[in-house]
Amino acid sequence: MDAQGGTDVQRGGEAGKGLTSAEPTVRREIARVSEGYEVAYVIGNEGIQEQGIPGVRLATVEGLLVETDPFGRYHLADVHGGDARLGRNFIIKLDPATVPAGRADALQLRRAPAAVATGAGRAHGAGLGRSAVCPGQQ
């Protein structure tokens, strides 16, 4: 951010390759307070916000079953992350009978399971929206 508040976003990694819908924004808000001035940097994401699908059942090849909450989120506790160096692939399959009618954005996962690369001590997620695999915090 320059002195006038203008920003220049540098994209690298997946964003640089156009593989993510993230559109980060930064703005500076200055307010006069009793001690002088307060400066707040507000960071946001104006990209596409894919919402989860509530009430959808997911299954793993190990036999674990979970249903998404009212916001389309889910949690699988104590999943073994595999070898500390390499991690492992964790397979999640969507039950197509539980997907609401009209949710064509979930068709990709209806046909094939999502493979999530896991590792020790890291949070992971598999998206139920337009992209089949979304590594990282959901």
C-alpha atoms as a PDB file:
ATOM      1  CA  MET A   1       0.000   0.000   0.000  1.00  0.00           C
ATOM      2  CA  ASP A   2       1.415   3.369  -0.981  1.00  0.00           C
ATOM      3  CA  ALA A   3       1.155   6.645   0.965  1.00  0.00           C
ATOM      4  CA  GLN A   4      -2.071   7.587  -0.843  1.00  0.00           C
ATOM      5  CA  GLY A   5      -3.729   4.270   0.061  1.00  0.00           C
ATOM      6  CA  GLY A   6      -3.381   2.665  -3.366  1.00  0.00           C
ATOM      7  CA  THR A   7      -2.711  -1.062  -3.430  1.00  0.00           C
ATOM      8  CA  ASP A   8      -0.952  -3.363  -5.868  1.00  0.00           C
ATOM      9  CA  VAL A   9      -1.814  -7.052  -5.541  1.00  0.00           C
ATOM     10  CA  GLN A  10       0.979  -9.451  -6.492  1.00  0.00           C
ATOM     11  CA  ARG A  11      -0.374 -12.912  -7.322  1.00  0.00           C
ATOM     12  CA  GLY A  12       1.757 -16.026  -6.990  1.00  0.00           C
ATOM     13  CA  GLY A  13       1.230 -19.762  -6.638  1.00  0.00           C
ATOM     14  CA  GLU A  14      -2.285 -20.958  -7.538  1.00  0.00           C
ATOM     15  CA  ALA A  15      -3.613 -17.386  -7.750  1.00  0.00           C
ATOM     16  CA  GLY A  16      -0.874 -16.457 -10.221  1.00  0.00           C
ATOM     17  CA  LYS A  17      -1.889 -19.401 -12.412  1.00  0.00           C
ATOM     18  CA  GLY A  18      -5.572 -18.388 -12.294  1.00  0.00           C
ATOM     19  CA  LEU A  19      -6.550 -21.502 -10.310  1.00  0.00           C
ATOM     20  CA  THR A  20      -8.343 -19.667  -7.496  1.00  0.00           C
ATOM     21  CA  SER A  21     -11.264 -17.245  -7.359  1.00  0.00           C
ATOM     22  CA  ALA A  22      -9.725 -15.191  -4.539  1.00  0.00           C
ATOM     23  CA  GLU A  23      -9.739 -11.423  -5.122  1.00  0.00           C
ATOM     24  CA  PRO A  24      -7.946  -9.929  -2.107  1.00  0.00           C
ATOM     25  CA  THR A  25      -8.590  -6.288  -1.233  1.00  0.00           C
ATOM     26  CA  VAL A  26      -6.824  -4.038   1.264  1.00  0.00           C
ATOM     27  CA  ARG A  27      -7.960  -0.623   2.467  1.00  0.00           C
ATOM     28  CA  ARG A  28      -6.709   1.721   5.146  1.00  0.00           C
ATOM     29  CA  GLU A  29      -9.142   3.438   7.514  1.00  0.00           C
ATOM     30  CA  ILE A  30      -7.868   6.354   9.598  1.00  0.00           C
ATOM     31  CA  ALA A  31      -9.867   7.699  12.537  1.00  0.00           C
ATOM     32  CA  ARG A  32      -9.092  10.487  14.986  1.00  0.00           C
ATOM     33  CA  VAL A  33      -9.099   9.203  18.578  1.00  0.00           C
ATOM     34  CA  SER A  34      -8.285  10.906  21.887  1.00  0.00           C
ATOM     35  CA  GLU A  35      -4.665   9.707  21.760  1.00  0.00           C
ATOM     36  CA  GLY A  36      -4.115  10.873  18.155  1.00  0.00           C
ATOM     37  CA  TYR A  37      -5.000   8.718  15.169  1.00  0.00           C
ATOM     38  CA  GLU A  38      -6.007   5.105  14.804  1.00  0.00           C
ATOM     39  CA  VAL A  39      -5.072   3.327  11.597  1.00  0.00           C
ATOM     40  CA  ALA A  40      -6.876   0.120  10.651  1.00  0.00           C
ATOM     41  CA  TYR A  41      -5.923  -2.042   7.686  1.00  0.00           C
ATOM     42  CA  VAL A  42      -8.973  -3.954   6.480  1.00  0.00           C
ATOM     43  CA  ILE A  43      -8.213  -7.074   4.430  1.00  0.00           C
ATOM     44  CA  GLY A  44     -11.020  -8.757   2.506  1.00  0.00           C
ATOM     45  CA  ASN A  45     -11.748 -11.216  -0.281  1.00  0.00           C
ATOM     46  CA  GLU A  46     -14.141 -10.099  -3.001  1.00  0.00           C
ATOM     47  CA  GLY A  47     -13.849 -13.372  -4.954  1.00  0.00           C
ATOM     48  CA  ILE A  48     -16.522 -15.984  -5.492  1.00  0.00           C
ATOM     49  CA  GLN A  49     -17.862 -17.271  -2.190  1.00  0.00           C
ATOM     50  CA  GLU A  50     -18.943 -20.888  -2.611  1.00  0.00           C
ATOM     51  CA  GLN A  51     -21.413 -21.871   0.059  1.00  0.00           C
ATOM     52  CA  GLY A  52     -21.593 -25.376   1.460  1.00  0.00           C
ATOM     53  CA  ILE A  53     -24.591 -27.640   0.940  1.00  0.00           C
ATOM     54  CA  PRO A  54     -26.451 -28.434   4.191  1.00  0.00           C
ATOM     55  CA  GLY A  55     -27.683 -31.941   4.993  1.00  0.00           C
ATOM     56  CA  VAL A  56     -25.416 -33.803   2.572  1.00  0.00           C
ATOM     57  CA  ARG A  57     -24.016 -37.174   3.639  1.00  0.00           C
ATOM     58  CA  LEU A  58     -20.333 -37.955   3.065  1.00  0.00           C
ATOM     59  CA  ALA A  59     -18.590 -41.306   3.388  1.00  0.00           C
ATOM     60  CA  THR A  60     -14.956 -42.356   3.552  1.00  0.00           C
ATOM     61  CA  VAL A  61     -13.441 -45.613   2.324  1.00  0.00           C
ATOM     62  CA  GLU A  62     -12.767 -46.456   5.999  1.00  0.00           C
ATOM     63  CA  GLY A  63     -16.528 -46.456   6.619  1.00  0.00           C
ATOM     64  CA  LEU A  64     -16.850 -43.107   8.422  1.00  0.00           C
ATOM     65  CA  LEU A  65     -20.123 -41.282   7.747  1.00  0.00           C
ATOM     66  CA  VAL A  66     -20.754 -37.597   8.369  1.00  0.00           C
ATOM     67  CA  GLU A  67     -23.539 -35.181   7.442  1.00  0.00           C
ATOM     68  CA  THR A  68     -22.943 -31.506   6.717  1.00  0.00           C
ATOM     69  CA  ASP A  69     -24.335 -28.950   9.175  1.00  0.00           C
ATOM     70  CA  PRO A  70     -26.822 -26.138   8.286  1.00  0.00           C
ATOM     71  CA  PHE A  71     -23.915 -24.178   6.734  1.00  0.00           C
ATOM     72  CA  GLY A  72     -22.604 -27.099   4.659  1.00  0.00           C
ATOM     73  CA  ARG A  73     -19.594 -27.702   6.908  1.00  0.00           C
ATOM     74  CA  TYR A  74     -18.360 -31.034   8.217  1.00  0.00           C
ATOM     75  CA  HIS A  75     -15.637 -32.329  10.508  1.00  0.00           C
ATOM     76  CA  LEU A  76     -13.895 -35.687  10.737  1.00  0.00           C
ATOM     77  CA  ALA A  77     -11.924 -35.988  13.976  1.00  0.00           C
ATOM     78  CA  ASP A  78      -8.779 -38.048  14.512  1.00  0.00           C
ATOM     79  CA  VAL A  79      -8.092 -38.889  10.866  1.00  0.00           C
ATOM     80  CA  HIS A  80      -4.628 -40.426  10.595  1.00  0.00           C
ATOM     81  CA  GLY A  81      -2.443 -38.144   8.466  1.00  0.00           C
ATOM     82  CA  GLY A  82      -0.166 -40.917   7.245  1.00  0.00           C
ATOM     83  CA  ASP A  83       3.623 -40.883   7.190  1.00  0.00           C
ATOM     84  CA  ALA A  84       5.044 -37.683   8.755  1.00  0.00           C
ATOM     85  CA  ARG A  85       7.101 -36.906   5.627  1.00  0.00           C
ATOM     86  CA  LEU A  86       4.641 -37.840   2.908  1.00  0.00           C
ATOM     87  CA  GLY A  87       1.150 -37.658   4.390  1.00  0.00           C
ATOM     88  CA  ARG A  88      -1.517 -39.654   2.547  1.00  0.00           C
ATOM     89  CA  ASN A  89      -4.550 -39.340   0.314  1.00  0.00           C
ATOM     90  CA  PHE A  90      -7.860 -39.386   2.178  1.00  0.00           C
ATOM     91  CA  ILE A  91     -10.878 -40.315   0.035  1.00  0.00           C
ATOM     92  CA  ILE A  92     -14.300 -38.711   0.617  1.00  0.00           C
ATOM     93  CA  LYS A  93     -17.387 -39.672  -1.415  1.00  0.00           C
ATOM     94  CA  LEU A  94     -20.604 -37.688  -1.644  1.00  0.00           C
ATOM     95  CA  ASP A  95     -23.918 -39.565  -1.312  1.00  0.00           C
ATOM     96  CA  PRO A  96     -25.834 -38.321  -4.393  1.00  0.00           C
ATOM     97  CA  ALA A  97     -29.185 -39.265  -2.843  1.00  0.00           C
ATOM     98  CA  THR A  98     -28.715 -36.515  -0.223  1.00  0.00           C
ATOM     99  CA  VAL A  99     -27.869 -33.662  -2.639  1.00  0.00           C
ATOM    100  CA  PRO A 100     -30.842 -31.274  -2.999  1.00  0.00           C
ATOM    101  CA  ALA A 101     -32.460 -31.032  -6.432  1.00  0.00           C
ATOM    102  CA  GLY A 102     -31.126 -28.164  -8.490  1.00  0.00           C
ATOM    103  CA  ARG A 103     -27.587 -28.216  -7.069  1.00  0.00           C
ATOM    104  CA  ALA A 104     -25.807 -28.801 -10.377  1.00  0.00           C
ATOM    105  CA  ASP A 105     -22.611 -27.352  -8.866  1.00  0.00           C
ATOM    106  CA  ALA A 106     -22.202 -30.597  -6.890  1.00  0.00           C
ATOM    107  CA  LEU A 107     -22.405 -32.875  -9.939  1.00  0.00           C
ATOM    108  CA  GLN A 108     -18.619 -33.161 -10.165  1.00  0.00           C
ATOM    109  CA  LEU A 109     -18.430 -34.912  -6.788  1.00  0.00           C
ATOM    110  CA  ARG A 110     -21.477 -37.056  -7.521  1.00  0.00           C
ATOM    111  CA  ARG A 111     -19.453 -38.900 -10.154  1.00  0.00           C
ATOM    112  CA  ALA A 112     -16.101 -39.314  -8.423  1.00  0.00           C
ATOM    113  CA  PRO A 113     -14.738 -39.172  -4.876  1.00  0.00           C
ATOM    114  CA  ALA A 114     -12.562 -36.297  -3.698  1.00  0.00           C
ATOM    115  CA  ALA A 115      -8.981 -37.130  -2.747  1.00  0.00           C
ATOM    116  CA  VAL A 116      -7.575 -34.849  -0.065  1.00  0.00           C
ATOM    117  CA  ALA A 117      -3.825 -34.911   0.570  1.00  0.00           C
ATOM    118  CA  THR A 118      -3.431 -34.951   4.356  1.00  0.00           C
ATOM    119  CA  GLY A 119      -0.505 -34.507   6.697  1.00  0.00           C
ATOM    120  CA  ALA A 120       0.133 -34.379  10.409  1.00  0.00           C
ATOM    121  CA  GLY A 121      -0.989 -31.215  12.192  1.00  0.00           C
ATOM    122  CA  ARG A 122      -2.647 -29.522   9.206  1.00  0.00           C
ATOM    123  CA  ALA A 123      -6.304 -28.714   8.607  1.00  0.00           C
ATOM    124  CA  HIS A 124      -7.775 -29.847   5.281  1.00  0.00           C
ATOM    125  CA  GLY A 125     -11.083 -29.698   3.470  1.00  0.00           C
ATOM    126  CA  ALA A 126     -12.765 -31.127   0.411  1.00  0.00           C
ATOM    127  CA  GLY A 127     -15.123 -28.674  -1.221  1.00  0.00           C
ATOM    128  CA  LEU A 128     -18.632 -29.697  -2.211  1.00  0.00           C
ATOM    129  CA  GLY A 129     -18.983 -26.777  -4.599  1.00  0.00           C
ATOM    130  CA  ARG A 130     -17.484 -26.225  -8.032  1.00  0.00           C
ATOM    131  CA  SER A 131     -13.977 -27.482  -7.273  1.00  0.00           C
ATOM    132  CA  ALA A 132     -13.552 -31.108  -6.248  1.00  0.00           C
ATOM    133  CA  VAL A 133     -10.536 -30.666  -3.991  1.00  0.00           C
ATOM    134  CA  CYS A 134      -9.803 -27.615  -1.853  1.00  0.00           C
ATOM    135  CA  PRO A 135      -6.659 -28.239   0.231  1.00  0.00           C
ATOM    136  CA  GLY A 136      -6.331 -26.022   3.298  1.00  0.00           C
ATOM    137  CA  GLN A 137      -8.723 -24.604   5.868  1.00  0.00           C
ATOM    138  CA  GLN A 138     -12.323 -24.432   4.675  1.00  0.00           C
END
